[in-house]
Amino acid sequence: MTRKLSVIEGRLGMAWEDAPQGVGQKRRHTGDSTSRDGIGTQWGALISTLVRACHYHPARIAPEARLTQLRALAEPQISIPLVLPLMVATFGMSLGDDVAWWKIGAWLLVMLSLQAANYFNARAFLATHVEPDEAEHWAHRFELLTLAFSSVFASSLYFLWPAAHADHQTNLLAITTVALAPLTLISIVYFPVFCCTVMPIAAAIALRFIAYGEGIHLTFVVALGLFLALLVHLAKIVNNTMLRAANLQSDKNALIEQLFRAKRESDAARARAEEANRAKSSFLANMSHELRTPLNAIIGFSEVMATEIFGAHAKPIYKEYSNDINQSGQHLLGLINDILDLSRIEAGRFEIVEEEVDIIYLARDCRRLLDIRAQAQRVNVVEEFDDNLPVLRADARAMRQTWINLLTNAIKFSPPNTTVRMIARLDPSGDLRFGVHDEGPGIAGSEIDKVMEAFAQGAAGIAQPGKGSGLGLSIVKGLLGAHGGRFELRSTLGQGTQAERAAPADAAGAPRHRLIGRDSQPDPQIRSKKKRP
């Protein structure tokens, strides 16, 4: 393309010197040759500027963006295949007295052939799934066919030139000039094709006007040059805008494809993980009896050996070994119970048996179970319970497990000589809140979500190995989630942790988990079992 433009530049720059002296009539001398040479030199400079302007290299043309431009170029060529050649042919036939019929027929045949080639090329492009790496090949095809069509179209100013009639010459020039408008609209979407379309026609028109050699014609040439410069500038703007839009569309399509691919991979991975988790939970839930039975036997026999029911050991050290076996068995049984509880929750096999639960009675009962551990840790456990709290309708076993897990965690991570507070109160909104506040090392805000996961611990738990398996809070979260309540964990490093559960007072919307006022007279048998000590 650069070589072709250089040839055009050289030829048009010398147009004034090489122009014929008369075409169908004698050239009129309008002044001295110096003025005429000056105009020719200016025209040559203008042509050089236009040719250099066609050296248009956008910063980035993605293959997909170029294909978008070529589609916009091909679509109009399908809808108007014969308008231009038939328009000129109709006028050419009116020149039968001045131009040989064989010339008109030959020119029309070549024009129709090139138009058919452009039509079928555009049709093939639109009907084919063109890969991005083929964009360059198709671009060259459009450029070459367009250049051939425009060159033959422009040749009508020479091949069909009516040498004897000035009026017919003017009409032919006017038709050719007017034809620039639709050709520009069709080709402006792709700048190289725009240059291949406009430049041959503009050059042919300019050379014809220069050949007249009169001032008014030369003025028209300058106006044509300025108009062409404006067209080139506008074409660049249109192309830049279209390229940006096409590049954005291409990037968006690529991003959408990546997102869909990532989503498909994520969905597949999540499905595999969920299936594996269900299989694991189902396995553990079904293994409850098989795991607990031998462990209970180990704990039972070790307790018999530790208490020397069947007589003293031959060596006192055996009693210590028996105690170690019993303690290790109890620890392992607790861990297995936690794992099985969590697996049942995850597998959806945890059954909630609703009953009227006195939450304070359960709290004090759990505190008595853990008093020995709290004293061993030198942790003071205090109660902060409001009076006349309503009875909670929930699963008593799950609520007991919630209190035990929260208290165990608080005592386990509290430093000596600190206080753990058990709270139960009504919010102004009517929600019943209960939980445990401690003065332990606290949890970083970034680790709050982490410690709620199974087998996960915060920095404090990692720094104190052997203090737990990381299942307590995840079990509490699962139990409360099964009831429809909210579990809230608030903590600040160095200031302790607040773990609370909020039970909604509104019966509607939480049918499996609701509050019953003490004046509602619940089942006396249940209340008799839940009296406070």
Protein backbone atom coordinates (compact mmCIF):
# COMPACT_ATOMS: atom_id res chain seq x y z
CA MET A 1 0.00 0.00 0.00
CA THR A 2 2.85 2.40 0.80
CA ARG A 3 4.44 1.83 -2.61
CA LYS A 4 1.12 2.46 -4.40
CA LEU A 5 0.58 5.71 -2.50
CA SER A 6 4.10 6.85 -3.32
CA VAL A 7 3.46 6.26 -7.03
CA ILE A 8 0.19 8.21 -6.84
CA GLU A 9 1.96 11.01 -4.98
CA GLY A 10 4.67 11.25 -7.62
CA ARG A 11 2.29 11.21 -10.53
CA LEU A 12 -0.15 13.71 -9.08
CA GLY A 13 2.63 16.01 -7.97
CA MET A 14 3.78 16.23 -11.61
CA ALA A 15 0.24 16.47 -12.99
CA TRP A 16 0.51 20.09 -13.95
CA GLU A 17 3.68 19.66 -15.97
CA ASP A 18 2.46 16.49 -17.74
CA ALA A 19 -1.16 17.55 -18.35
CA PRO A 20 -2.33 17.55 -22.01
CA GLN A 21 -2.57 20.86 -23.77
CA GLY A 22 -6.17 20.41 -24.87
CA VAL A 23 -8.93 17.86 -24.52
CA GLY A 24 -11.62 18.37 -27.13
CA GLN A 25 -10.80 22.06 -27.16
CA LYS A 26 -7.78 24.35 -27.05
CA ARG A 27 -6.32 25.36 -23.73
CA ARG A 28 -6.91 29.00 -22.92
CA HIS A 29 -4.03 30.99 -21.49
CA THR A 30 -5.20 32.90 -18.42
CA GLY A 31 -2.00 34.56 -17.46
CA ASP A 32 1.70 34.11 -17.23
CA SER A 33 3.16 30.67 -16.80
CA THR A 34 4.70 31.57 -13.45
CA SER A 35 1.31 31.86 -11.78
CA ARG A 36 0.18 28.62 -13.35
CA ASP A 37 3.35 26.83 -12.21
CA GLY A 38 2.82 28.16 -8.69
CA ILE A 39 -0.68 26.70 -8.55
CA GLY A 40 0.65 23.38 -9.85
CA THR A 41 3.34 23.34 -7.19
CA GLN A 42 0.76 24.05 -4.49
CA TRP A 43 -1.43 21.27 -5.80
CA GLY A 44 1.51 18.87 -5.77
CA ALA A 45 2.23 19.78 -2.14
CA LEU A 46 -1.44 19.29 -1.27
CA ILE A 47 -1.49 15.87 -2.93
CA SER A 48 1.67 14.91 -1.03
CA THR A 49 -0.02 15.91 2.23
CA LEU A 50 -3.10 13.84 1.39
CA VAL A 51 -1.05 10.79 0.48
CA ARG A 52 0.95 11.06 3.71
CA ALA A 53 -2.32 11.41 5.60
CA CYS A 54 -3.34 7.99 4.33
CA HIS A 55 -0.40 6.46 6.19
CA TYR A 56 -2.70 5.71 9.09
CA HIS A 57 -1.48 3.29 11.72
CA PRO A 58 -3.74 3.02 14.78
CA ALA A 59 -2.01 2.16 18.05
CA ARG A 60 -3.70 -1.20 18.35
CA ILE A 61 -5.97 -3.17 16.06
CA ALA A 62 -7.01 -6.46 17.56
CA PRO A 63 -7.91 -9.09 14.95
CA GLU A 64 -11.43 -9.21 16.37
CA ALA A 65 -11.75 -5.42 15.96
CA ARG A 66 -10.59 -5.62 12.34
CA LEU A 67 -13.16 -8.34 11.67
CA THR A 68 -15.84 -6.04 13.10
CA GLN A 69 -14.76 -3.29 10.67
CA LEU A 70 -14.78 -5.69 7.72
CA ARG A 71 -18.30 -6.85 8.59
CA ALA A 72 -19.48 -3.23 8.64
CA LEU A 73 -17.81 -2.79 5.24
CA ALA A 74 -19.26 -5.96 3.71
CA GLU A 75 -22.91 -5.50 4.68
CA PRO A 76 -23.63 -2.44 2.44
CA GLN A 77 -22.00 -4.17 -0.53
CA ILE A 78 -24.69 -6.85 -0.34
CA SER A 79 -27.58 -4.38 -0.45
CA ILE A 80 -26.46 -2.04 -3.28
CA PRO A 81 -24.52 -4.16 -5.79
CA LEU A 82 -25.46 -2.50 -9.09
CA VAL A 83 -26.39 1.12 -8.36
CA LEU A 84 -23.15 2.87 -9.30
CA PRO A 85 -22.22 1.00 -12.52
CA LEU A 86 -25.79 1.19 -13.84
CA MET A 87 -25.97 4.90 -13.05
CA VAL A 88 -22.82 5.63 -15.04
CA ALA A 89 -23.79 3.16 -17.77
CA THR A 90 -27.13 4.92 -18.21
CA PHE A 91 -25.35 8.19 -18.74
CA GLY A 92 -22.73 6.49 -20.92
CA MET A 93 -25.44 5.26 -23.25
CA SER A 94 -26.53 8.84 -23.73
CA LEU A 95 -23.04 9.48 -25.06
CA GLY A 96 -23.48 7.06 -27.93
CA ASP A 97 -23.00 9.85 -30.45
CA ASP A 98 -19.63 10.85 -28.94
CA VAL A 99 -18.26 7.55 -27.57
CA ALA A 100 -18.02 4.24 -29.39
CA TRP A 101 -20.53 1.67 -28.22
CA TRP A 102 -17.87 -0.98 -27.85
CA LYS A 103 -16.09 1.23 -25.32
CA ILE A 104 -19.28 1.69 -23.32
CA GLY A 105 -19.98 -2.05 -23.41
CA ALA A 106 -16.42 -3.04 -22.48
CA TRP A 107 -16.29 -0.58 -19.60
CA LEU A 108 -19.69 -1.66 -18.33
CA LEU A 109 -18.69 -5.35 -18.53
CA VAL A 110 -15.54 -4.75 -16.48
CA MET A 111 -17.49 -2.68 -13.93
CA LEU A 112 -20.18 -5.32 -13.54
CA SER A 113 -17.52 -8.03 -13.18
CA LEU A 114 -15.71 -6.11 -10.44
CA GLN A 115 -18.97 -5.29 -8.70
CA ALA A 116 -19.91 -8.98 -8.80
CA ALA A 117 -16.48 -9.86 -7.40
CA ASN A 118 -17.00 -7.39 -4.54
CA TYR A 119 -20.51 -8.72 -3.94
CA PHE A 120 -19.50 -12.38 -3.76
CA ASN A 121 -16.42 -11.55 -1.70
CA ALA A 122 -18.58 -9.69 0.83
CA ARG A 123 -21.16 -12.45 0.81
CA ALA A 124 -18.51 -15.14 1.36
CA PHE A 125 -17.01 -13.14 4.22
CA LEU A 126 -20.35 -12.71 5.98
CA ALA A 127 -21.30 -16.36 5.47
CA THR A 128 -17.97 -17.72 6.74
CA HIS A 129 -16.90 -18.05 10.35
CA VAL A 130 -13.66 -16.13 10.01
CA GLU A 131 -11.02 -16.80 12.63
CA PRO A 132 -9.07 -13.82 14.03
CA ASP A 133 -5.83 -14.99 12.42
CA GLU A 134 -7.53 -14.76 8.99
CA ALA A 135 -8.44 -11.08 9.37
CA GLU A 136 -5.33 -9.86 7.54
CA HIS A 137 -6.04 -12.10 4.53
CA TRP A 138 -9.62 -10.88 4.18
CA ALA A 139 -8.55 -7.26 4.66
CA HIS A 140 -6.15 -7.54 1.69
CA ARG A 141 -8.92 -9.04 -0.45
CA PHE A 142 -11.25 -6.14 0.29
CA GLU A 143 -8.49 -3.60 -0.36
CA LEU A 144 -7.44 -5.06 -3.73
CA LEU A 145 -11.00 -5.49 -5.04
CA THR A 146 -11.95 -1.99 -3.90
CA LEU A 147 -8.86 -0.46 -5.52
CA ALA A 148 -9.63 -2.24 -8.81
CA PHE A 149 -13.28 -1.15 -8.73
CA SER A 150 -12.47 2.50 -7.96
CA SER A 151 -9.73 2.64 -10.59
CA VAL A 152 -12.01 1.29 -13.33
CA PHE A 153 -14.82 3.56 -12.16
CA ALA A 154 -12.46 6.56 -12.34
CA SER A 155 -11.30 5.47 -15.81
CA SER A 156 -14.68 6.53 -17.21
CA LEU A 157 -13.28 10.10 -17.21
CA TYR A 158 -10.77 8.95 -19.85
CA PHE A 159 -12.21 5.85 -21.49
CA LEU A 160 -15.70 7.36 -21.96
CA TRP A 161 -14.59 10.96 -22.27
CA PRO A 162 -16.80 12.87 -24.80
CA ALA A 163 -14.09 14.94 -26.46
CA ALA A 164 -16.44 16.97 -28.65
CA HIS A 165 -19.06 18.14 -26.14
CA ALA A 166 -18.10 20.34 -23.16
CA ASP A 167 -21.55 19.95 -21.58
CA HIS A 168 -21.26 16.18 -21.61
CA GLN A 169 -17.79 16.46 -20.09
CA THR A 170 -19.16 18.59 -17.26
CA ASN A 171 -21.99 16.12 -16.64
CA LEU A 172 -19.59 13.16 -16.54
CA LEU A 173 -17.34 15.00 -14.07
CA ALA A 174 -20.37 15.87 -11.94
CA ILE A 175 -21.61 12.27 -11.88
CA THR A 176 -18.17 10.97 -10.93
CA THR A 177 -17.81 13.60 -8.19
CA VAL A 178 -21.27 12.90 -6.78
CA ALA A 179 -20.44 9.18 -6.70
CA LEU A 180 -17.79 9.95 -4.08
CA ALA A 181 -20.53 10.50 -1.48
CA PRO A 182 -22.04 6.98 -1.33
CA LEU A 183 -18.64 5.37 -1.87
CA THR A 184 -17.27 7.35 1.08
CA LEU A 185 -20.17 6.33 3.31
CA ILE A 186 -19.63 2.66 2.44
CA SER A 187 -15.86 2.61 2.88
CA ILE A 188 -15.31 5.03 5.76
CA VAL A 189 -15.69 2.23 8.32
CA TYR A 190 -12.30 0.80 7.32
CA PHE A 191 -9.60 3.38 6.57
CA PRO A 192 -7.38 1.40 4.13
CA VAL A 193 -10.40 0.62 1.96
CA PHE A 194 -11.49 4.25 2.25
CA CYS A 195 -8.16 5.34 0.76
CA CYS A 196 -8.39 2.70 -1.98
CA THR A 197 -11.88 3.99 -2.82
CA VAL A 198 -11.48 7.74 -2.71
CA MET A 199 -7.93 8.37 -3.90
CA PRO A 200 -8.17 6.96 -7.49
CA ILE A 201 -11.45 8.80 -8.16
CA ALA A 202 -10.23 12.06 -6.63
CA ALA A 203 -6.97 11.82 -8.59
CA ALA A 204 -8.83 11.24 -11.89
CA ILE A 205 -11.15 14.20 -11.25
CA ALA A 206 -8.24 16.45 -10.30
CA LEU A 207 -6.24 15.51 -13.40
CA ARG A 208 -9.21 16.27 -15.64
CA PHE A 209 -9.68 19.72 -14.13
CA ILE A 210 -5.95 20.42 -14.27
CA ALA A 211 -6.00 19.49 -17.96
CA TYR A 212 -8.36 22.40 -18.65
CA GLY A 213 -5.65 24.77 -17.42
CA GLU A 214 -8.05 27.57 -16.51
CA GLY A 215 -8.10 29.42 -13.21
CA ILE A 216 -11.64 28.43 -12.27
CA HIS A 217 -10.86 24.76 -12.83
CA LEU A 218 -7.67 25.01 -10.81
CA THR A 219 -9.62 26.65 -8.01
CA PHE A 220 -11.98 23.67 -8.06
CA VAL A 221 -8.97 21.35 -7.81
CA VAL A 222 -7.78 23.17 -4.68
CA ALA A 223 -11.30 22.98 -3.22
CA LEU A 224 -11.39 19.28 -4.04
CA GLY A 225 -8.06 18.81 -2.28
CA LEU A 226 -9.30 20.59 0.83
CA PHE A 227 -12.51 18.57 0.76
CA LEU A 228 -10.48 15.39 0.43
CA ALA A 229 -8.27 16.41 3.36
CA LEU A 230 -11.42 16.93 5.44
CA LEU A 231 -12.72 13.52 4.40
CA VAL A 232 -9.44 11.89 5.43
CA HIS A 233 -9.54 13.64 8.80
CA LEU A 234 -13.16 12.61 9.40
CA ALA A 235 -12.40 9.06 8.28
CA LYS A 236 -9.62 8.83 10.86
CA ILE A 237 -11.96 10.08 13.58
CA VAL A 238 -14.65 7.58 12.58
CA ASN A 239 -12.09 4.77 12.45
CA ASN A 240 -10.62 5.68 15.84
CA THR A 241 -14.09 5.74 17.38
CA MET A 242 -15.07 2.47 15.75
CA LEU A 243 -11.79 0.83 16.72
CA ARG A 244 -12.22 1.85 20.34
CA ALA A 245 -15.76 0.48 20.35
CA ALA A 246 -14.67 -2.70 18.57
CA ASN A 247 -11.72 -3.20 20.91
CA LEU A 248 -13.94 -2.65 23.93
CA GLN A 249 -16.48 -5.10 22.53
CA SER A 250 -13.71 -7.60 21.84
CA ASP A 251 -12.30 -7.19 25.35
CA LYS A 252 -15.79 -7.47 26.82
CA ASN A 253 -16.51 -10.65 24.87
CA ALA A 254 -13.18 -12.12 25.95
CA LEU A 255 -13.87 -11.18 29.57
CA ILE A 256 -17.38 -12.65 29.40
CA GLU A 257 -15.97 -15.86 27.96
CA GLN A 258 -13.35 -16.00 30.73
CA LEU A 259 -16.02 -15.37 33.35
CA PHE A 260 -18.26 -18.10 31.92
CA ARG A 261 -15.31 -20.49 31.77
CA ALA A 262 -14.30 -19.63 35.34
CA LYS A 263 -17.91 -20.00 36.49
CA ARG A 264 -18.22 -23.40 34.83
CA GLU A 265 -14.98 -24.52 36.43
CA SER A 266 -16.05 -23.09 39.78
CA ASP A 267 -19.46 -24.77 39.58
CA ALA A 268 -17.85 -28.08 38.69
CA ALA A 269 -15.32 -27.75 41.52
CA ARG A 270 -18.04 -26.75 43.98
CA ALA A 271 -20.20 -29.68 42.89
CA ARG A 272 -17.27 -32.05 43.38
CA ALA A 273 -16.49 -30.52 46.78
CA GLU A 274 -20.11 -30.72 47.88
CA GLU A 275 -20.35 -34.31 46.73
CA ALA A 276 -17.14 -35.18 48.58
CA ASN A 277 -18.38 -33.36 51.68
CA ARG A 278 -21.71 -35.19 51.56
CA ALA A 279 -19.92 -38.51 51.15
CA LYS A 280 -17.66 -37.70 54.10
CA SER A 281 -20.52 -36.55 56.29
CA SER A 282 -22.64 -39.55 55.34
CA PHE A 283 -19.76 -41.88 56.12
CA LEU A 284 -19.08 -40.33 59.52
CA ALA A 285 -22.75 -40.24 60.43
CA ASN A 286 -23.12 -43.93 59.57
CA MET A 287 -19.93 -44.80 61.48
CA SER A 288 -21.22 -43.39 64.78
CA HIS A 289 -21.90 -46.78 66.36
CA GLU A 290 -18.76 -48.41 64.97
CA LEU A 291 -16.53 -45.64 66.37
CA ARG A 292 -18.14 -45.18 69.76
CA THR A 293 -18.59 -48.83 70.74
CA PRO A 294 -14.89 -49.84 70.93
CA LEU A 295 -13.95 -46.46 72.41
CA ASN A 296 -16.52 -46.81 75.19
CA ALA A 297 -15.09 -50.25 75.94
CA ILE A 298 -11.58 -48.78 76.21
CA ILE A 299 -12.81 -46.01 78.52
CA GLY A 300 -14.81 -48.43 80.66
CA PHE A 301 -12.01 -50.96 81.15
CA SER A 302 -9.42 -48.24 81.79
CA GLU A 303 -11.70 -46.76 84.45
CA VAL A 304 -12.02 -50.20 86.09
CA MET A 305 -8.24 -50.55 86.05
CA ALA A 306 -7.70 -47.02 87.36
CA THR A 307 -10.06 -47.56 90.33
CA GLU A 308 -8.55 -51.01 91.04
CA ILE A 309 -11.98 -52.60 91.40
CA PHE A 310 -10.54 -56.10 90.95
CA GLY A 311 -7.56 -55.50 93.18
CA ALA A 312 -4.42 -53.44 93.41
CA HIS A 313 -1.95 -53.37 90.55
CA ALA A 314 1.32 -55.18 90.93
CA LYS A 315 3.06 -51.88 90.25
CA PRO A 316 1.67 -48.42 91.19
CA ILE A 317 2.75 -47.04 87.80
CA TYR A 318 0.04 -49.16 86.14
CA LYS A 319 -2.63 -47.09 87.88
CA GLU A 320 -1.17 -43.93 86.36
CA TYR A 321 -1.10 -45.60 82.96
CA SER A 322 -4.77 -46.55 83.39
CA ASN A 323 -5.66 -42.93 84.25
CA ASP A 324 -3.77 -41.73 81.18
CA ILE A 325 -5.64 -44.22 79.00
CA ASN A 326 -8.96 -43.13 80.47
CA GLN A 327 -8.27 -39.41 80.02
CA SER A 328 -7.05 -39.93 76.47
CA GLY A 329 -10.12 -42.03 75.71
CA GLN A 330 -12.43 -39.36 77.13
CA HIS A 331 -10.68 -36.72 75.03
CA LEU A 332 -10.94 -38.86 71.91
CA LEU A 333 -14.60 -39.62 72.60
CA GLY A 334 -15.35 -35.90 72.92
CA LEU A 335 -13.56 -35.24 69.63
CA ILE A 336 -15.45 -38.04 67.88
CA ASN A 337 -18.75 -36.76 69.28
CA ASP A 338 -17.97 -33.28 67.94
CA ILE A 339 -17.05 -34.64 64.51
CA LEU A 340 -20.18 -36.78 64.36
CA ASP A 341 -22.38 -33.88 65.47
CA LEU A 342 -20.87 -31.64 62.82
CA SER A 343 -21.15 -34.30 60.12
CA ARG A 344 -24.82 -34.86 60.95
CA ILE A 345 -25.44 -31.12 60.72
CA GLU A 346 -23.66 -30.87 57.36
CA ALA A 347 -25.43 -33.97 56.04
CA GLY A 348 -28.81 -32.54 57.08
CA ARG A 349 -29.44 -35.48 59.40
CA PHE A 350 -29.57 -33.49 62.65
CA GLU A 351 -33.15 -33.78 63.89
CA ILE A 352 -34.56 -30.99 66.02
CA VAL A 353 -37.00 -32.05 68.73
CA GLU A 354 -38.82 -28.94 69.87
CA GLU A 355 -39.72 -28.46 73.48
CA GLU A 356 -40.02 -25.61 75.96
CA VAL A 357 -36.55 -24.96 77.28
CA ASP A 358 -35.60 -22.90 80.34
CA ILE A 359 -32.40 -21.39 79.02
CA ILE A 360 -31.15 -20.30 82.48
CA TYR A 361 -31.65 -23.79 83.93
CA LEU A 362 -29.56 -25.23 81.08
CA ALA A 363 -26.88 -22.56 81.57
CA ARG A 364 -26.47 -23.31 85.29
CA ASP A 365 -26.44 -27.04 84.64
CA CYS A 366 -23.64 -26.65 82.08
CA ARG A 367 -21.72 -24.37 84.44
CA ARG A 368 -21.74 -27.06 87.15
CA LEU A 369 -20.30 -29.54 84.63
CA LEU A 370 -17.41 -27.20 83.84
CA ASP A 371 -16.74 -25.76 87.31
CA ILE A 372 -13.86 -28.16 87.96
CA ARG A 373 -12.17 -27.18 84.69
CA ALA A 374 -12.67 -23.47 85.42
CA GLN A 375 -11.16 -23.84 88.89
CA ALA A 376 -8.19 -25.72 87.46
CA GLN A 377 -7.66 -22.84 85.02
CA ARG A 378 -8.21 -20.30 87.87
CA VAL A 379 -10.99 -18.69 85.82
CA ASN A 380 -13.97 -17.14 87.60
CA VAL A 381 -17.37 -17.85 85.97
CA VAL A 382 -20.19 -15.41 86.82
CA GLU A 383 -23.84 -15.22 85.79
CA GLU A 384 -25.55 -12.11 84.41
CA PHE A 385 -29.14 -13.25 83.83
CA ASP A 386 -32.18 -10.98 83.59
CA ASP A 387 -35.23 -11.87 85.64
CA ASN A 388 -38.46 -13.21 84.16
CA LEU A 389 -36.98 -14.34 80.87
CA PRO A 390 -39.39 -16.16 78.55
CA VAL A 391 -39.10 -19.85 77.86
CA LEU A 392 -37.41 -20.77 74.58
CA ARG A 393 -38.97 -23.30 72.25
CA ALA A 394 -36.03 -25.27 70.83
CA ASP A 395 -34.13 -28.55 70.98
CA ALA A 396 -32.90 -28.91 74.59
CA ARG A 397 -29.97 -31.14 73.62
CA ALA A 398 -28.78 -28.63 71.01
CA MET A 399 -29.08 -25.71 73.45
CA ARG A 400 -27.13 -27.67 76.08
CA GLN A 401 -24.41 -28.39 73.52
CA THR A 402 -24.32 -24.69 72.61
CA TRP A 403 -23.76 -23.62 76.23
CA ILE A 404 -21.10 -26.31 76.79
CA ASN A 405 -19.15 -25.41 73.65
CA LEU A 406 -19.23 -21.66 74.33
CA LEU A 407 -18.22 -22.10 77.99
CA THR A 408 -15.49 -24.60 77.13
CA ASN A 409 -13.98 -22.23 74.57
CA ALA A 410 -14.11 -19.27 76.93
CA ILE A 411 -12.51 -21.16 79.85
CA LYS A 412 -9.93 -22.81 77.62
CA PHE A 413 -8.51 -19.58 76.20
CA SER A 414 -8.94 -17.29 79.23
CA PRO A 415 -5.75 -16.43 81.16
CA PRO A 416 -5.65 -17.21 84.90
CA ASN A 417 -7.38 -14.78 87.27
CA THR A 418 -9.82 -13.52 84.62
CA THR A 419 -13.62 -13.63 84.50
CA VAL A 420 -15.99 -15.40 82.13
CA ARG A 421 -19.52 -13.96 82.11
CA MET A 422 -22.59 -15.98 81.15
CA ILE A 423 -25.29 -13.58 79.92
CA ALA A 424 -29.00 -13.96 79.13
CA ARG A 425 -31.21 -10.94 78.50
CA LEU A 426 -33.99 -9.51 76.37
CA ASP A 427 -33.11 -6.91 73.75
CA PRO A 428 -35.30 -3.81 73.33
CA SER A 429 -36.50 -5.47 70.11
CA GLY A 430 -37.74 -8.45 72.12
CA ASP A 431 -35.08 -10.92 70.99
CA LEU A 432 -33.68 -13.28 73.62
CA ARG A 433 -29.89 -13.08 73.65
CA PHE A 434 -27.67 -15.49 75.52
CA GLY A 435 -24.00 -16.33 75.33
CA VAL A 436 -20.58 -16.05 76.92
CA HIS A 437 -18.15 -13.12 77.27
CA ASP A 438 -14.52 -13.72 78.18
CA GLU A 439 -11.36 -11.69 78.81
CA GLY A 440 -9.06 -13.86 76.72
CA PRO A 441 -6.55 -12.84 74.06
CA GLY A 442 -9.30 -12.09 71.56
CA ILE A 443 -9.54 -12.77 67.83
CA ALA A 444 -8.39 -10.52 65.00
CA GLY A 445 -11.17 -9.16 62.82
CA SER A 446 -9.66 -10.88 59.79
CA GLU A 447 -9.93 -14.25 61.57
CA ILE A 448 -13.59 -14.05 62.67
CA ASP A 449 -14.88 -15.92 59.62
CA LYS A 450 -11.98 -18.37 59.76
CA VAL A 451 -12.64 -19.58 63.32
CA MET A 452 -16.25 -20.30 62.39
CA GLU A 453 -15.09 -23.01 59.98
CA ALA A 454 -14.56 -26.63 60.93
CA PHE A 455 -11.05 -27.56 62.13
CA ALA A 456 -9.94 -23.92 61.88
CA GLN A 457 -8.34 -21.92 64.69
CA GLY A 458 -7.23 -18.36 65.15
CA ALA A 459 -3.74 -17.23 66.07
CA ALA A 460 -4.41 -17.82 69.78
CA GLY A 461 -5.46 -21.43 69.18
CA ILE A 462 -2.46 -22.10 66.94
CA ALA A 463 -0.13 -20.61 69.55
CA GLN A 464 -1.58 -22.96 72.21
CA PRO A 465 -1.61 -26.42 70.59
CA GLY A 466 -3.58 -29.18 72.25
CA LYS A 467 -6.36 -26.89 73.50
CA GLY A 468 -8.94 -27.97 70.94
CA SER A 469 -9.76 -29.28 67.50
CA GLY A 470 -11.40 -26.15 66.12
CA LEU A 471 -14.89 -27.68 65.99
CA GLY A 472 -16.65 -25.92 68.88
CA LEU A 473 -17.79 -22.73 67.16
CA SER A 474 -18.60 -24.45 63.87
CA ILE A 475 -20.90 -26.85 65.75
CA VAL A 476 -22.55 -23.95 67.59
CA LYS A 477 -23.06 -22.12 64.30
CA GLY A 478 -24.57 -25.25 62.73
CA LEU A 479 -26.88 -25.92 65.65
CA LEU A 480 -28.16 -22.36 65.77
CA GLY A 481 -28.49 -22.25 62.00
CA ALA A 482 -30.66 -25.37 62.15
CA HIS A 483 -32.93 -23.50 64.60
CA GLY A 484 -33.10 -20.38 62.46
CA GLY A 485 -31.36 -18.17 65.03
CA ARG A 486 -28.38 -15.85 64.63
CA PHE A 487 -24.93 -16.49 66.05
CA GLU A 488 -22.82 -13.38 66.55
CA LEU A 489 -19.11 -13.39 67.35
CA ARG A 490 -17.46 -10.10 68.31
CA SER A 491 -13.87 -9.84 69.40
CA THR A 492 -10.98 -7.42 69.78
CA LEU A 493 -7.36 -8.42 70.19
CA GLY A 494 -6.33 -8.12 73.83
CA GLN A 495 -9.88 -7.39 75.04
CA GLY A 496 -11.63 -10.74 74.88
CA THR A 497 -14.45 -12.27 72.86
CA GLN A 498 -18.24 -12.03 72.99
CA ALA A 499 -20.16 -15.01 71.59
CA GLU A 500 -23.94 -14.54 71.59
CA ARG A 501 -26.98 -16.16 70.10
CA ALA A 502 -30.14 -14.16 69.26
CA ALA A 503 -33.48 -16.00 69.27
CA PRO A 504 -36.34 -14.10 67.59
CA ALA A 505 -39.35 -13.33 69.73
CA ASP A 506 -41.70 -13.21 66.75
CA ALA A 507 -43.33 -16.62 66.29
CA ALA A 508 -44.19 -15.90 62.65
CA GLY A 509 -41.28 -16.63 60.35
CA ALA A 510 -39.57 -18.91 62.85
CA PRO A 511 -42.06 -21.71 63.47
CA ARG A 512 -39.45 -24.17 64.69
CA HIS A 513 -37.84 -21.77 67.10
CA ARG A 514 -39.91 -19.31 69.09
CA LEU A 515 -40.27 -17.74 72.53
CA ILE A 516 -43.12 -18.48 74.91
CA GLY A 517 -43.89 -16.04 77.73
CA ARG A 518 -44.04 -17.33 81.27
CA ASP A 519 -47.66 -16.27 81.45
CA SER A 520 -48.59 -18.53 78.52
CA GLN A 521 -48.83 -21.59 80.82
CA PRO A 522 -46.78 -24.19 78.96
CA ASP A 523 -47.11 -27.93 79.54
CA PRO A 524 -46.80 -28.42 83.34
CA GLN A 525 -44.96 -31.71 82.90
CA ILE A 526 -42.23 -30.04 80.88
CA ARG A 527 -42.05 -27.09 83.28
CA SER A 528 -41.74 -29.43 86.22
CA LYS A 529 -38.70 -30.99 84.64
CA LYS A 530 -37.15 -27.58 84.00
CA LYS A 531 -37.58 -25.93 87.36
CA ARG A 532 -34.66 -23.88 88.51
CA PRO A 533 -32.72 -25.23 91.50
